[in-house]
């Protein structure tokens, strides 16, 4: 079992185990999110709506390719 050194926590303010090494891609992505004045929940809702619309568009294209819409007209 590793022994924790309390002086490490005082020096950095964050325990060493909680520090994460972030890749440049992750840092760039987080900087994009910082520029958007929305909460994470709001972003999740917007992304969910966009994915739903994308799926409905794909479904409409598939139904049109099978000539399903000609049955009603």
N, C-alpha and C. Protein backbone atom coordinates (compact mmCIF):
# COMPACT_ATOMS: atom_id res chain seq x y z
N UNK A 1 0.84 -1.18 0.00
CA UNK A 1 0.00 0.00 0.00
C UNK A 1 0.88 1.24 0.00
N UNK A 2 0.51 2.22 -0.85
CA UNK A 2 1.30 3.43 -0.96
C UNK A 2 0.96 4.40 0.15
N UNK A 3 1.97 5.03 0.65
CA UNK A 3 1.76 6.01 1.71
C UNK A 3 1.64 7.39 1.07
N UNK A 4 0.60 8.13 1.42
CA UNK A 4 0.38 9.46 0.87
C UNK A 4 1.18 10.48 1.66
N UNK A 5 1.75 11.38 0.94
CA UNK A 5 2.51 12.44 1.56
C UNK A 5 1.64 13.69 1.61
N UNK A 6 1.22 14.15 2.80
CA UNK A 6 0.33 15.30 2.88
C UNK A 6 0.96 16.59 2.36
N UNK A 7 2.29 16.68 2.36
CA UNK A 7 2.92 17.90 1.88
C UNK A 7 2.73 18.06 0.37
N UNK A 8 2.56 16.95 -0.36
CA UNK A 8 2.30 17.05 -1.80
C UNK A 8 0.97 17.73 -2.05
N UNK A 9 -0.02 17.42 -1.27
CA UNK A 9 -1.35 18.00 -1.45
C UNK A 9 -1.31 19.50 -1.15
N UNK A 10 -0.56 19.89 -0.14
CA UNK A 10 -0.49 21.30 0.22
C UNK A 10 0.24 22.11 -0.84
N UNK A 11 1.26 21.52 -1.45
CA UNK A 11 2.05 22.25 -2.44
C UNK A 11 1.24 22.54 -3.70
N UNK A 12 0.54 21.55 -4.20
CA UNK A 12 -0.15 21.72 -5.47
C UNK A 12 -1.62 22.05 -5.31
N UNK A 13 -2.21 21.74 -4.17
CA UNK A 13 -3.63 21.97 -3.97
C UNK A 13 -4.47 20.79 -4.43
N UNK A 14 -3.88 19.88 -5.18
CA UNK A 14 -4.58 18.70 -5.69
C UNK A 14 -3.71 17.49 -5.43
N UNK A 15 -4.29 16.43 -4.88
CA UNK A 15 -3.48 15.23 -4.69
C UNK A 15 -2.91 14.73 -6.01
N UNK A 16 -1.76 14.12 -5.96
CA UNK A 16 -1.06 13.69 -7.16
C UNK A 16 -1.89 12.67 -7.95
N UNK A 17 -2.66 11.83 -7.27
CA UNK A 17 -3.43 10.80 -7.95
C UNK A 17 -4.57 11.39 -8.77
N UNK A 18 -5.06 12.58 -8.39
CA UNK A 18 -6.20 13.17 -9.08
C UNK A 18 -5.79 13.97 -10.31
N UNK A 19 -4.52 14.25 -10.49
CA UNK A 19 -4.06 14.97 -11.66
C UNK A 19 -4.20 14.08 -12.89
N UNK A 20 -4.71 14.68 -13.97
CA UNK A 20 -4.84 13.94 -15.21
C UNK A 20 -3.94 14.57 -16.25
N UNK A 21 -3.29 13.72 -17.02
CA UNK A 21 -2.48 14.20 -18.13
C UNK A 21 -3.41 14.31 -19.33
N UNK A 22 -3.55 15.52 -19.86
CA UNK A 22 -4.47 15.74 -20.96
C UNK A 22 -3.71 15.81 -22.27
N UNK A 23 -4.25 15.15 -23.27
CA UNK A 23 -3.65 15.17 -24.59
C UNK A 23 -3.93 16.53 -25.23
N UNK A 24 -3.15 16.91 -26.24
CA UNK A 24 -3.42 18.18 -26.93
C UNK A 24 -4.83 18.22 -27.54
N UNK A 25 -5.31 17.09 -28.05
CA UNK A 25 -6.66 17.05 -28.61
C UNK A 25 -7.70 17.34 -27.53
N UNK A 26 -7.53 16.76 -26.35
CA UNK A 26 -8.48 16.98 -25.25
C UNK A 26 -8.43 18.44 -24.79
N UNK A 27 -7.25 19.03 -24.74
CA UNK A 27 -7.13 20.43 -24.34
C UNK A 27 -7.80 21.34 -25.36
N UNK A 28 -7.64 21.03 -26.66
CA UNK A 28 -8.27 21.83 -27.70
C UNK A 28 -9.79 21.71 -27.63
N UNK A 29 -10.28 20.50 -27.42
CA UNK A 29 -11.72 20.26 -27.33
C UNK A 29 -12.31 21.01 -26.13
N UNK A 30 -11.64 20.98 -25.00
CA UNK A 30 -12.12 21.69 -23.83
C UNK A 30 -12.10 23.20 -24.03
N UNK A 31 -11.14 23.70 -24.80
CA UNK A 31 -11.11 25.15 -25.07
C UNK A 31 -12.29 25.53 -25.96
N UNK A 32 -12.75 24.64 -26.84
CA UNK A 32 -13.94 24.92 -27.65
C UNK A 32 -15.17 25.00 -26.75
N UNK A 33 -15.30 24.08 -25.81
CA UNK A 33 -16.44 24.08 -24.91
C UNK A 33 -16.44 25.31 -24.01
N UNK A 34 -15.28 25.82 -23.68
CA UNK A 34 -15.22 27.03 -22.84
C UNK A 34 -15.79 28.25 -23.56
N UNK A 35 -15.76 28.25 -24.88
CA UNK A 35 -16.25 29.38 -25.66
C UNK A 35 -17.77 29.37 -25.81
N UNK A 36 -18.43 28.25 -25.52
CA UNK A 36 -19.87 28.12 -25.67
C UNK A 36 -20.53 28.44 -24.33
N UNK A 37 -21.42 29.45 -24.31
CA UNK A 37 -22.02 29.85 -23.03
C UNK A 37 -23.24 29.00 -22.66
N UNK A 38 -23.11 27.68 -22.73
CA UNK A 38 -24.20 26.76 -22.38
C UNK A 38 -23.70 25.78 -21.34
N UNK A 39 -24.66 25.24 -20.57
CA UNK A 39 -24.28 24.23 -19.60
C UNK A 39 -24.12 22.89 -20.31
N UNK A 40 -23.54 21.95 -19.63
CA UNK A 40 -23.32 20.64 -20.22
C UNK A 40 -24.64 19.94 -20.52
N UNK A 41 -25.63 20.14 -19.67
CA UNK A 41 -26.95 19.53 -19.89
C UNK A 41 -27.59 20.10 -21.16
N UNK A 42 -27.47 21.41 -21.35
CA UNK A 42 -28.03 22.03 -22.55
C UNK A 42 -27.34 21.51 -23.81
N UNK A 43 -26.01 21.36 -23.74
CA UNK A 43 -25.27 20.82 -24.89
C UNK A 43 -25.70 19.38 -25.18
N UNK A 44 -25.92 18.58 -24.15
CA UNK A 44 -26.37 17.21 -24.35
C UNK A 44 -27.74 17.16 -25.02
N UNK A 45 -28.63 18.07 -24.64
CA UNK A 45 -29.96 18.12 -25.24
C UNK A 45 -29.85 18.50 -26.72
N UNK A 46 -29.05 19.50 -27.03
CA UNK A 46 -28.88 19.93 -28.42
C UNK A 46 -28.28 18.80 -29.25
N UNK A 47 -27.27 18.11 -28.73
CA UNK A 47 -26.66 17.00 -29.45
C UNK A 47 -27.67 15.88 -29.65
N UNK A 48 -28.49 15.59 -28.65
CA UNK A 48 -29.51 14.55 -28.77
C UNK A 48 -30.54 14.90 -29.83
N UNK A 49 -30.97 16.15 -29.88
CA UNK A 49 -31.94 16.58 -30.90
C UNK A 49 -31.33 16.45 -32.30
N UNK A 50 -30.07 16.86 -32.45
CA UNK A 50 -29.41 16.77 -33.75
C UNK A 50 -29.27 15.32 -34.20
N UNK A 51 -28.91 14.43 -33.29
CA UNK A 51 -28.79 13.01 -33.65
C UNK A 51 -30.14 12.40 -34.02
N UNK A 52 -31.20 12.82 -33.32
CA UNK A 52 -32.55 12.34 -33.64
C UNK A 52 -32.96 12.81 -35.04
N UNK A 53 -32.71 14.08 -35.34
CA UNK A 53 -33.03 14.60 -36.67
C UNK A 53 -32.23 13.91 -37.76
N UNK A 54 -30.98 13.60 -37.47
CA UNK A 54 -30.14 12.88 -38.43
C UNK A 54 -30.70 11.48 -38.69
N UNK A 55 -31.13 10.79 -37.64
CA UNK A 55 -31.70 9.46 -37.78
C UNK A 55 -33.02 9.52 -38.57
N UNK A 56 -33.86 10.51 -38.31
CA UNK A 56 -35.11 10.66 -39.05
C UNK A 56 -34.86 10.97 -40.51
N UNK A 57 -33.85 11.77 -40.81
CA UNK A 57 -33.49 12.05 -42.19
C UNK A 57 -33.03 10.79 -42.90
N UNK A 58 -32.21 10.00 -42.24
CA UNK A 58 -31.74 8.74 -42.81
C UNK A 58 -32.91 7.80 -43.07
N UNK A 59 -33.85 7.74 -42.14
CA UNK A 59 -35.03 6.89 -42.30
C UNK A 59 -35.89 7.36 -43.48
N UNK A 60 -36.07 8.68 -43.62
CA UNK A 60 -36.85 9.21 -44.73
C UNK A 60 -36.18 8.91 -46.07
N UNK A 61 -34.87 8.99 -46.13
CA UNK A 61 -34.15 8.66 -47.37
C UNK A 61 -34.32 7.18 -47.72
N UNK A 62 -34.23 6.32 -46.71
CA UNK A 62 -34.40 4.88 -46.96
C UNK A 62 -35.83 4.58 -47.42
N UNK A 63 -36.82 5.18 -46.79
CA UNK A 63 -38.21 4.96 -47.20
C UNK A 63 -38.47 5.50 -48.60
N UNK A 64 -37.87 6.62 -48.96
CA UNK A 64 -38.02 7.17 -50.29
C UNK A 64 -37.35 6.26 -51.32
N UNK A 65 -36.23 5.67 -50.98
CA UNK A 65 -35.55 4.77 -51.90
C UNK A 65 -36.35 3.50 -52.14
N UNK A 66 -37.18 3.09 -51.19
CA UNK A 66 -38.02 1.90 -51.34
C UNK A 66 -39.39 2.25 -51.93
N UNK A 67 -39.59 3.48 -52.34
CA UNK A 67 -40.84 3.98 -52.92
C UNK A 67 -42.04 3.79 -52.00
N UNK A 68 -41.84 3.92 -50.72
CA UNK A 68 -42.93 3.82 -49.75
C UNK A 68 -43.86 5.03 -49.88
N UNK A 69 -43.30 6.20 -50.18
CA UNK A 69 -44.09 7.41 -50.24
C UNK A 69 -45.05 7.42 -51.45
N UNK A 70 -44.78 6.61 -52.48
CA UNK A 70 -45.67 6.56 -53.64
C UNK A 70 -46.98 5.85 -53.32
N UNK A 71 -47.05 5.11 -52.23
CA UNK A 71 -48.27 4.43 -51.85
C UNK A 71 -49.34 5.43 -51.40
N UNK A 72 -48.92 6.59 -50.92
CA UNK A 72 -49.85 7.57 -50.38
C UNK A 72 -50.22 8.65 -51.40
N UNK A 73 -49.65 8.64 -52.58
CA UNK A 73 -49.90 9.74 -53.50
C UNK A 73 -50.29 9.29 -54.80
